[in-house]
Amino acid sequence: MAAEYTEVMHLPPSAGEIWRDIEDAAQVWEELHSRGCELDFALDTQGAAVITLRDLDGRFLRKITSSEAVEIASTKPGPALDRLLRS
């Protein structure tokens, strides 16, 4: 008897999921902006990412780790975002 073969297809996210992600990111950007800050992304001389929290005039507030940036980007506005911005 022949072995059964099952092909697994990995489908990209649906357009609805992509739009929800974009909307969530916009809400986080609006929340940061309403608090008078923004994330700044740059590369250092070795090409590593440098992420900083800055006020809207560009003044440095603090360095953000890449894991914090991912967490901020994936967090809806609210208490969790407050905690991330205070740490």
N, C-alpha and C. Protein backbone atom coordinates (compact mmCIF):
# COMPACT_ATOMS: atom_id res chain seq x y z
N MET A 1 0.84 -1.17 0.00
CA MET A 1 0.00 0.00 0.00
C MET A 1 0.89 1.24 0.00
N ALA A 2 0.56 2.20 -0.83
CA ALA A 2 1.36 3.41 -0.95
C ALA A 2 1.13 4.31 0.25
N ALA A 3 2.19 4.96 0.68
CA ALA A 3 2.08 5.90 1.79
C ALA A 3 1.28 7.11 1.35
N GLU A 4 0.48 7.61 2.25
CA GLU A 4 -0.30 8.81 1.91
C GLU A 4 0.59 10.03 2.00
N TYR A 5 0.36 10.97 1.13
CA TYR A 5 1.14 12.19 1.07
C TYR A 5 0.22 13.37 1.32
N THR A 6 0.56 14.17 2.27
CA THR A 6 -0.23 15.36 2.56
C THR A 6 0.66 16.58 2.38
N GLU A 7 0.23 17.45 1.50
CA GLU A 7 0.98 18.68 1.27
C GLU A 7 0.43 19.77 2.17
N VAL A 8 1.31 20.47 2.82
CA VAL A 8 0.90 21.57 3.69
C VAL A 8 1.16 22.87 2.95
N MET A 9 0.13 23.65 2.82
CA MET A 9 0.27 24.95 2.17
C MET A 9 0.24 26.03 3.24
N HIS A 10 1.19 26.92 3.16
CA HIS A 10 1.20 28.07 4.05
C HIS A 10 0.69 29.26 3.25
N LEU A 11 -0.47 29.71 3.60
CA LEU A 11 -1.08 30.81 2.88
C LEU A 11 -0.71 32.14 3.54
N PRO A 12 -0.54 33.16 2.72
CA PRO A 12 -0.25 34.48 3.30
C PRO A 12 -1.48 34.98 4.04
N PRO A 13 -1.27 35.95 4.94
CA PRO A 13 -2.41 36.49 5.66
C PRO A 13 -3.41 37.10 4.68
N SER A 14 -4.65 37.07 5.04
CA SER A 14 -5.68 37.65 4.18
C SER A 14 -5.55 39.17 4.17
N ALA A 15 -6.15 39.77 3.18
CA ALA A 15 -6.12 41.23 3.09
C ALA A 15 -6.73 41.85 4.34
N GLY A 16 -7.77 41.22 4.88
CA GLY A 16 -8.39 41.74 6.11
C GLY A 16 -7.42 41.77 7.27
N GLU A 17 -6.62 40.71 7.41
CA GLU A 17 -5.62 40.66 8.48
C GLU A 17 -4.57 41.74 8.30
N ILE A 18 -4.15 41.93 7.07
CA ILE A 18 -3.13 42.95 6.79
C ILE A 18 -3.66 44.34 7.14
N TRP A 19 -4.91 44.63 6.75
CA TRP A 19 -5.48 45.94 7.06
C TRP A 19 -5.64 46.13 8.56
N ARG A 20 -6.00 45.05 9.30
CA ARG A 20 -6.09 45.16 10.76
C ARG A 20 -4.73 45.47 11.36
N ASP A 21 -3.67 44.83 10.85
CA ASP A 21 -2.32 45.11 11.34
C ASP A 21 -1.93 46.56 11.07
N ILE A 22 -2.27 47.05 9.89
CA ILE A 22 -1.95 48.44 9.54
C ILE A 22 -2.73 49.39 10.45
N GLU A 23 -3.99 49.08 10.70
CA GLU A 23 -4.80 49.92 11.59
C GLU A 23 -4.23 49.91 13.01
N ASP A 24 -3.82 48.74 13.50
CA ASP A 24 -3.22 48.65 14.84
C ASP A 24 -1.95 49.49 14.92
N ALA A 25 -1.10 49.40 13.89
CA ALA A 25 0.14 50.18 13.87
C ALA A 25 -0.17 51.68 13.86
N ALA A 26 -1.20 52.07 13.11
CA ALA A 26 -1.58 53.49 13.07
C ALA A 26 -2.05 53.96 14.44
N GLN A 27 -2.79 53.12 15.16
CA GLN A 27 -3.26 53.49 16.50
C GLN A 27 -2.08 53.67 17.45
N VAL A 28 -1.08 52.80 17.35
CA VAL A 28 0.11 52.93 18.21
C VAL A 28 0.84 54.23 17.86
N TRP A 29 1.00 54.51 16.56
CA TRP A 29 1.67 55.75 16.14
C TRP A 29 0.91 56.95 16.68
N GLU A 30 -0.43 56.95 16.56
CA GLU A 30 -1.22 58.06 17.06
C GLU A 30 -1.08 58.22 18.57
N GLU A 31 -1.05 57.09 19.29
CA GLU A 31 -0.89 57.15 20.75
C GLU A 31 0.48 57.73 21.12
N LEU A 32 1.53 57.25 20.45
CA LEU A 32 2.87 57.81 20.72
C LEU A 32 2.87 59.30 20.43
N HIS A 33 2.33 59.68 19.29
CA HIS A 33 2.31 61.09 18.89
C HIS A 33 1.53 61.94 19.88
N SER A 34 0.39 61.42 20.38
CA SER A 34 -0.41 62.18 21.35
C SER A 34 0.34 62.36 22.66
N ARG A 35 1.29 61.48 22.94
CA ARG A 35 2.12 61.59 24.15
C ARG A 35 3.37 62.43 23.90
N GLY A 36 3.49 62.93 22.68
CA GLY A 36 4.61 63.79 22.35
C GLY A 36 5.90 63.05 22.06
N CYS A 37 5.79 61.81 21.58
CA CYS A 37 7.02 61.07 21.28
C CYS A 37 6.84 60.21 20.02
N GLU A 38 7.96 59.71 19.56
CA GLU A 38 7.99 58.85 18.39
C GLU A 38 9.20 57.94 18.47
N LEU A 39 9.14 56.85 17.73
CA LEU A 39 10.30 55.95 17.63
C LEU A 39 11.13 56.38 16.45
N ASP A 40 12.44 56.39 16.62
CA ASP A 40 13.37 56.75 15.56
C ASP A 40 14.24 55.54 15.26
N PHE A 41 14.35 55.18 14.00
CA PHE A 41 15.15 54.03 13.58
C PHE A 41 16.32 54.52 12.74
N ALA A 42 17.51 54.03 13.07
CA ALA A 42 18.72 54.41 12.34
C ALA A 42 19.67 53.21 12.33
N LEU A 43 20.74 53.31 11.57
CA LEU A 43 21.78 52.29 11.55
C LEU A 43 23.06 52.88 12.10
N ASP A 44 23.78 52.11 12.93
CA ASP A 44 25.07 52.58 13.42
C ASP A 44 26.13 52.30 12.35
N THR A 45 27.39 52.62 12.65
CA THR A 45 28.46 52.48 11.65
C THR A 45 28.70 51.04 11.22
N GLN A 46 28.29 50.07 12.05
CA GLN A 46 28.43 48.65 11.68
C GLN A 46 27.18 48.11 11.00
N GLY A 47 26.16 48.94 10.82
CA GLY A 47 24.93 48.52 10.17
C GLY A 47 23.90 47.92 11.10
N ALA A 48 24.12 48.01 12.41
CA ALA A 48 23.14 47.50 13.38
C ALA A 48 22.05 48.55 13.61
N ALA A 49 20.85 48.07 13.85
CA ALA A 49 19.73 48.98 14.09
C ALA A 49 19.88 49.66 15.44
N VAL A 50 19.61 50.95 15.46
CA VAL A 50 19.58 51.75 16.69
C VAL A 50 18.19 52.36 16.76
N ILE A 51 17.47 52.04 17.82
CA ILE A 51 16.10 52.52 17.97
C ILE A 51 16.04 53.40 19.21
N THR A 52 15.51 54.60 19.05
CA THR A 52 15.41 55.51 20.18
C THR A 52 14.01 56.07 20.27
N LEU A 53 13.62 56.39 21.49
CA LEU A 53 12.38 57.11 21.75
C LEU A 53 12.77 58.58 21.81
N ARG A 54 12.11 59.40 21.02
CA ARG A 54 12.42 60.83 20.96
C ARG A 54 11.15 61.64 21.14
N ASP A 55 11.32 62.87 21.61
CA ASP A 55 10.14 63.74 21.65
C ASP A 55 9.92 64.27 20.24
N LEU A 56 8.83 64.98 20.03
CA LEU A 56 8.48 65.42 18.69
C LEU A 56 9.41 66.50 18.14
N ASP A 57 10.29 67.04 18.99
CA ASP A 57 11.32 67.98 18.54
C ASP A 57 12.62 67.25 18.21
N GLY A 58 12.61 65.92 18.35
CA GLY A 58 13.79 65.13 18.01
C GLY A 58 14.75 64.91 19.16
N ARG A 59 14.42 65.38 20.35
CA ARG A 59 15.32 65.20 21.50
C ARG A 59 15.26 63.76 22.00
N PHE A 60 16.42 63.21 22.28
CA PHE A 60 16.55 61.84 22.78
C PHE A 60 15.88 61.69 24.14
N LEU A 61 15.04 60.64 24.29
CA LEU A 61 14.44 60.32 25.58
C LEU A 61 15.08 59.07 26.16
N ARG A 62 15.19 58.01 25.35
CA ARG A 62 15.88 56.81 25.80
C ARG A 62 16.05 55.85 24.64
N LYS A 63 17.00 54.94 24.80
CA LYS A 63 17.24 53.90 23.80
C LYS A 63 16.18 52.81 23.98
N ILE A 64 15.74 52.22 22.88
CA ILE A 64 14.75 51.15 22.86
C ILE A 64 15.42 49.90 22.29
N THR A 65 15.28 48.77 22.96
CA THR A 65 15.83 47.53 22.40
C THR A 65 14.94 47.07 21.26
N SER A 66 15.48 46.22 20.40
CA SER A 66 14.67 45.73 19.29
C SER A 66 13.47 44.94 19.79
N SER A 67 13.63 44.20 20.88
CA SER A 67 12.48 43.45 21.41
C SER A 67 11.42 44.40 21.97
N GLU A 68 11.84 45.52 22.58
CA GLU A 68 10.87 46.52 23.05
C GLU A 68 10.14 47.15 21.87
N ALA A 69 10.87 47.43 20.78
CA ALA A 69 10.24 48.03 19.60
C ALA A 69 9.19 47.10 19.02
N VAL A 70 9.49 45.82 18.96
CA VAL A 70 8.51 44.84 18.46
C VAL A 70 7.31 44.80 19.38
N GLU A 71 7.56 44.82 20.69
CA GLU A 71 6.46 44.79 21.65
C GLU A 71 5.61 46.05 21.56
N ILE A 72 6.24 47.21 21.41
CA ILE A 72 5.49 48.46 21.26
C ILE A 72 4.64 48.41 19.99
N ALA A 73 5.23 47.94 18.90
CA ALA A 73 4.51 47.87 17.63
C ALA A 73 3.34 46.90 17.67
N SER A 74 3.43 45.89 18.51
CA SER A 74 2.37 44.88 18.54
C SER A 74 1.40 45.07 19.71
N THR A 75 1.56 46.16 20.46
CA THR A 75 0.72 46.43 21.62
C THR A 75 -0.31 47.49 21.28
N LYS A 76 -1.52 47.25 21.64
CA LYS A 76 -2.56 48.27 21.44
C LYS A 76 -2.37 49.37 22.48
N PRO A 77 -2.81 50.61 22.16
CA PRO A 77 -2.72 51.68 23.15
C PRO A 77 -3.41 51.27 24.45
N GLY A 78 -2.83 51.66 25.56
CA GLY A 78 -3.40 51.33 26.86
C GLY A 78 -2.32 51.09 27.88
N PRO A 79 -2.65 50.38 28.97
CA PRO A 79 -1.71 50.17 30.07
C PRO A 79 -0.40 49.49 29.66
N ALA A 80 -0.49 48.53 28.75
CA ALA A 80 0.75 47.83 28.35
C ALA A 80 1.69 48.79 27.64
N LEU A 81 1.15 49.66 26.81
CA LEU A 81 1.99 50.64 26.13
C LEU A 81 2.55 51.64 27.13
N ASP A 82 1.75 52.05 28.11
CA ASP A 82 2.24 52.94 29.18
C ASP A 82 3.47 52.34 29.85
N ARG A 83 3.37 51.05 30.21
CA ARG A 83 4.48 50.37 30.88
C ARG A 83 5.72 50.36 30.01
N LEU A 84 5.56 50.07 28.73
CA LEU A 84 6.72 50.01 27.83
C LEU A 84 7.39 51.37 27.70
N LEU A 85 6.61 52.41 27.65
CA LEU A 85 7.18 53.76 27.48
C LEU A 85 7.85 54.27 28.75
N ARG A 86 7.41 53.79 29.90
CA ARG A 86 8.01 54.21 31.18
C ARG A 86 9.28 53.46 31.52
N SER A 87 9.44 52.24 31.00
CA SER A 87 10.59 51.43 31.42
C SER A 87 11.90 51.98 30.92
